[in-house]
Amino acid sequence: MNLLLWITIGFIVIGFVVLASLKKGMESKLAFIKANEESEESPTKAKSIIWWIYSAIAWGIVSMGLIVWSFHNYFG
């Protein structure tokens, strides 16, 4: 198999594992924000949730790009 395909598969699997492992922490931060809306820590926790969402979007876009690129190189 092509090295680019292995890099793509590794990036997708490792990224999925990292995002899935951080999901539980984000859920607890969201529950904290809902319970303590007036807390001083809420904006900090909200920013970390927003950055987690941005990173998940970036991971998805890069993964799709790598898939297209690897199939283009493999079949092209």
N, C-alpha and C. Protein backbone atom coordinates (compact mmCIF):
# COMPACT_ATOMS: atom_id res chain seq x y z
N MET A 1 0.83 -1.20 0.00
CA MET A 1 0.00 0.00 0.00
C MET A 1 0.87 1.25 0.00
N ASN A 2 0.27 2.31 -0.38
CA ASN A 2 0.94 3.59 -0.48
C ASN A 2 1.18 4.17 0.93
N LEU A 3 2.31 4.84 1.10
CA LEU A 3 2.63 5.46 2.39
C LEU A 3 1.63 6.55 2.74
N LEU A 4 1.18 7.30 1.76
CA LEU A 4 0.20 8.36 2.01
C LEU A 4 -1.11 7.78 2.54
N LEU A 5 -1.50 6.63 2.05
CA LEU A 5 -2.72 5.99 2.55
C LEU A 5 -2.56 5.57 4.01
N TRP A 6 -1.40 5.07 4.38
CA TRP A 6 -1.16 4.70 5.78
C TRP A 6 -1.14 5.93 6.69
N ILE A 7 -0.56 7.02 6.19
CA ILE A 7 -0.56 8.27 6.97
C ILE A 7 -1.98 8.76 7.16
N THR A 8 -2.79 8.67 6.11
CA THR A 8 -4.18 9.08 6.18
C THR A 8 -4.95 8.26 7.20
N ILE A 9 -4.80 6.95 7.12
CA ILE A 9 -5.50 6.07 8.06
C ILE A 9 -5.05 6.33 9.49
N GLY A 10 -3.76 6.49 9.70
CA GLY A 10 -3.25 6.78 11.04
C GLY A 10 -3.75 8.11 11.57
N PHE A 11 -3.77 9.13 10.73
CA PHE A 11 -4.27 10.45 11.15
C PHE A 11 -5.73 10.37 11.56
N ILE A 12 -6.53 9.66 10.77
CA ILE A 12 -7.95 9.56 11.08
C ILE A 12 -8.18 8.78 12.36
N VAL A 13 -7.51 7.67 12.52
CA VAL A 13 -7.72 6.83 13.71
C VAL A 13 -7.22 7.54 14.98
N ILE A 14 -6.03 8.09 14.93
CA ILE A 14 -5.49 8.78 16.11
C ILE A 14 -6.34 10.00 16.45
N GLY A 15 -6.74 10.76 15.44
CA GLY A 15 -7.59 11.92 15.68
C GLY A 15 -8.93 11.54 16.28
N PHE A 16 -9.53 10.46 15.78
CA PHE A 16 -10.80 10.01 16.33
C PHE A 16 -10.66 9.58 17.78
N VAL A 17 -9.60 8.88 18.10
CA VAL A 17 -9.37 8.43 19.48
C VAL A 17 -9.18 9.63 20.41
N VAL A 18 -8.43 10.62 19.96
CA VAL A 18 -8.19 11.81 20.79
C VAL A 18 -9.49 12.58 21.00
N LEU A 19 -10.24 12.80 19.93
CA LEU A 19 -11.50 13.54 20.08
C LEU A 19 -12.50 12.79 20.95
N ALA A 20 -12.57 11.48 20.80
CA ALA A 20 -13.49 10.68 21.60
C ALA A 20 -13.08 10.69 23.08
N SER A 21 -11.78 10.68 23.34
CA SER A 21 -11.34 10.68 24.74
C SER A 21 -11.57 12.04 25.40
N LEU A 22 -11.53 13.11 24.63
CA LEU A 22 -11.77 14.44 25.18
C LEU A 22 -13.26 14.77 25.29
N LYS A 23 -14.11 13.99 24.64
CA LYS A 23 -15.54 14.26 24.62
C LYS A 23 -16.15 14.24 26.01
N LYS A 24 -15.78 13.31 26.84
CA LYS A 24 -16.35 13.20 28.19
C LYS A 24 -16.02 14.43 29.02
N GLY A 25 -14.80 14.93 28.89
CA GLY A 25 -14.41 16.14 29.61
C GLY A 25 -15.20 17.36 29.15
N MET A 26 -15.47 17.42 27.85
CA MET A 26 -16.26 18.54 27.32
C MET A 26 -17.70 18.47 27.81
N GLU A 27 -18.23 17.26 27.92
CA GLU A 27 -19.59 17.11 28.44
C GLU A 27 -19.68 17.56 29.90
N SER A 28 -18.67 17.24 30.70
CA SER A 28 -18.70 17.67 32.10
C SER A 28 -18.51 19.19 32.21
N LYS A 29 -17.70 19.77 31.34
CA LYS A 29 -17.56 21.24 31.35
C LYS A 29 -18.86 21.91 30.96
N LEU A 30 -19.58 21.35 30.00
CA LEU A 30 -20.86 21.91 29.59
C LEU A 30 -21.88 21.79 30.72
N ALA A 31 -21.88 20.67 31.42
CA ALA A 31 -22.79 20.51 32.56
C ALA A 31 -22.46 21.52 33.65
N PHE A 32 -21.18 21.78 33.88
CA PHE A 32 -20.78 22.78 34.86
C PHE A 32 -21.26 24.17 34.46
N ILE A 33 -21.12 24.49 33.19
CA ILE A 33 -21.55 25.81 32.71
C ILE A 33 -23.06 25.97 32.86
N LYS A 34 -23.81 24.92 32.55
CA LYS A 34 -25.27 24.99 32.69
C LYS A 34 -25.69 25.14 34.14
N ALA A 35 -24.98 24.47 35.03
CA ALA A 35 -25.34 24.52 36.45
C ALA A 35 -24.88 25.82 37.11
N ASN A 36 -23.75 26.37 36.70
CA ASN A 36 -23.17 27.56 37.32
C ASN A 36 -22.96 28.65 36.27
N GLU A 37 -24.03 29.22 35.78
CA GLU A 37 -23.91 30.22 34.72
C GLU A 37 -23.23 31.49 35.21
N GLU A 38 -23.31 31.78 36.49
CA GLU A 38 -22.75 33.00 37.04
C GLU A 38 -21.30 32.83 37.50
N SER A 39 -20.76 31.65 37.38
CA SER A 39 -19.41 31.36 37.87
C SER A 39 -18.36 32.10 37.05
N GLU A 40 -17.22 32.38 37.71
CA GLU A 40 -16.11 33.03 37.02
C GLU A 40 -15.39 32.08 36.06
N GLU A 41 -15.53 30.77 36.31
CA GLU A 41 -14.86 29.78 35.46
C GLU A 41 -15.62 29.48 34.18
N SER A 42 -16.88 29.89 34.10
CA SER A 42 -17.70 29.54 32.94
C SER A 42 -17.14 30.05 31.61
N PRO A 43 -16.69 31.30 31.50
CA PRO A 43 -16.13 31.73 30.20
C PRO A 43 -14.89 30.93 29.78
N THR A 44 -14.06 30.57 30.74
CA THR A 44 -12.86 29.78 30.43
C THR A 44 -13.24 28.40 29.92
N LYS A 45 -14.22 27.78 30.59
CA LYS A 45 -14.66 26.45 30.16
C LYS A 45 -15.38 26.53 28.82
N ALA A 46 -16.12 27.60 28.59
CA ALA A 46 -16.80 27.77 27.31
C ALA A 46 -15.79 27.92 26.17
N LYS A 47 -14.70 28.65 26.43
CA LYS A 47 -13.68 28.81 25.40
C LYS A 47 -13.03 27.48 25.06
N SER A 48 -12.80 26.64 26.07
CA SER A 48 -12.19 25.33 25.79
C SER A 48 -13.14 24.44 24.98
N ILE A 49 -14.44 24.55 25.23
CA ILE A 49 -15.41 23.79 24.44
C ILE A 49 -15.41 24.29 23.00
N ILE A 50 -15.37 25.60 22.82
CA ILE A 50 -15.36 26.17 21.47
C ILE A 50 -14.10 25.75 20.73
N TRP A 51 -12.95 25.74 21.40
CA TRP A 51 -11.70 25.30 20.74
C TRP A 51 -11.75 23.82 20.40
N TRP A 52 -12.43 23.01 21.24
CA TRP A 52 -12.57 21.60 20.96
C TRP A 52 -13.41 21.41 19.69
N ILE A 53 -14.47 22.21 19.55
CA ILE A 53 -15.31 22.14 18.35
C ILE A 53 -14.51 22.56 17.12
N TYR A 54 -13.75 23.66 17.24
CA TYR A 54 -12.90 24.10 16.12
C TYR A 54 -11.89 23.03 15.73
N SER A 55 -11.30 22.39 16.71
CA SER A 55 -10.30 21.36 16.39
C SER A 55 -10.96 20.13 15.75
N ALA A 56 -12.18 19.80 16.18
CA ALA A 56 -12.88 18.68 15.55
C ALA A 56 -13.21 18.99 14.10
N ILE A 57 -13.61 20.24 13.83
CA ILE A 57 -13.90 20.64 12.46
C ILE A 57 -12.63 20.60 11.62
N ALA A 58 -11.54 21.13 12.16
CA ALA A 58 -10.28 21.13 11.42
C ALA A 58 -9.81 19.70 11.14
N TRP A 59 -9.94 18.81 12.13
CA TRP A 59 -9.55 17.42 11.95
C TRP A 59 -10.39 16.78 10.84
N GLY A 60 -11.70 17.07 10.82
CA GLY A 60 -12.56 16.52 9.79
C GLY A 60 -12.21 17.01 8.40
N ILE A 61 -11.91 18.31 8.28
CA ILE A 61 -11.55 18.88 6.98
C ILE A 61 -10.23 18.30 6.48
N VAL A 62 -9.24 18.23 7.36
CA VAL A 62 -7.95 17.67 6.97
C VAL A 62 -8.10 16.19 6.62
N SER A 63 -8.91 15.46 7.37
CA SER A 63 -9.12 14.04 7.06
C SER A 63 -9.75 13.86 5.69
N MET A 64 -10.77 14.67 5.39
CA MET A 64 -11.39 14.57 4.06
C MET A 64 -10.39 14.92 2.96
N GLY A 65 -9.58 15.94 3.19
CA GLY A 65 -8.57 16.30 2.21
C GLY A 65 -7.56 15.20 2.00
N LEU A 66 -7.12 14.58 3.09
CA LEU A 66 -6.16 13.48 2.96
C LEU A 66 -6.76 12.28 2.23
N ILE A 67 -8.04 12.00 2.48
CA ILE A 67 -8.69 10.88 1.79
C ILE A 67 -8.76 11.16 0.29
N VAL A 68 -9.20 12.35 -0.06
CA VAL A 68 -9.28 12.69 -1.48
C VAL A 68 -7.90 12.64 -2.13
N TRP A 69 -6.91 13.20 -1.45
CA TRP A 69 -5.56 13.24 -1.99
C TRP A 69 -4.98 11.83 -2.16
N SER A 70 -5.19 10.99 -1.14
CA SER A 70 -4.63 9.63 -1.24
C SER A 70 -5.32 8.81 -2.31
N PHE A 71 -6.64 8.95 -2.48
CA PHE A 71 -7.33 8.23 -3.55
C PHE A 71 -6.94 8.77 -4.91
N HIS A 72 -6.72 10.08 -4.98
CA HIS A 72 -6.28 10.67 -6.24
C HIS A 72 -4.89 10.13 -6.64
N ASN A 73 -4.00 10.01 -5.66
CA ASN A 73 -2.67 9.46 -5.94
C ASN A 73 -2.71 7.96 -6.21
N TYR A 74 -3.62 7.25 -5.53
CA TYR A 74 -3.69 5.80 -5.66
C TYR A 74 -4.30 5.40 -7.00
N PHE A 75 -5.38 6.07 -7.38
CA PHE A 75 -6.09 5.70 -8.60
C PHE A 75 -5.72 6.57 -9.80
N GLY A 76 -5.02 7.70 -9.53
CA GLY A 76 -4.75 8.63 -10.61
C GLY A 76 -3.52 8.39 -11.35
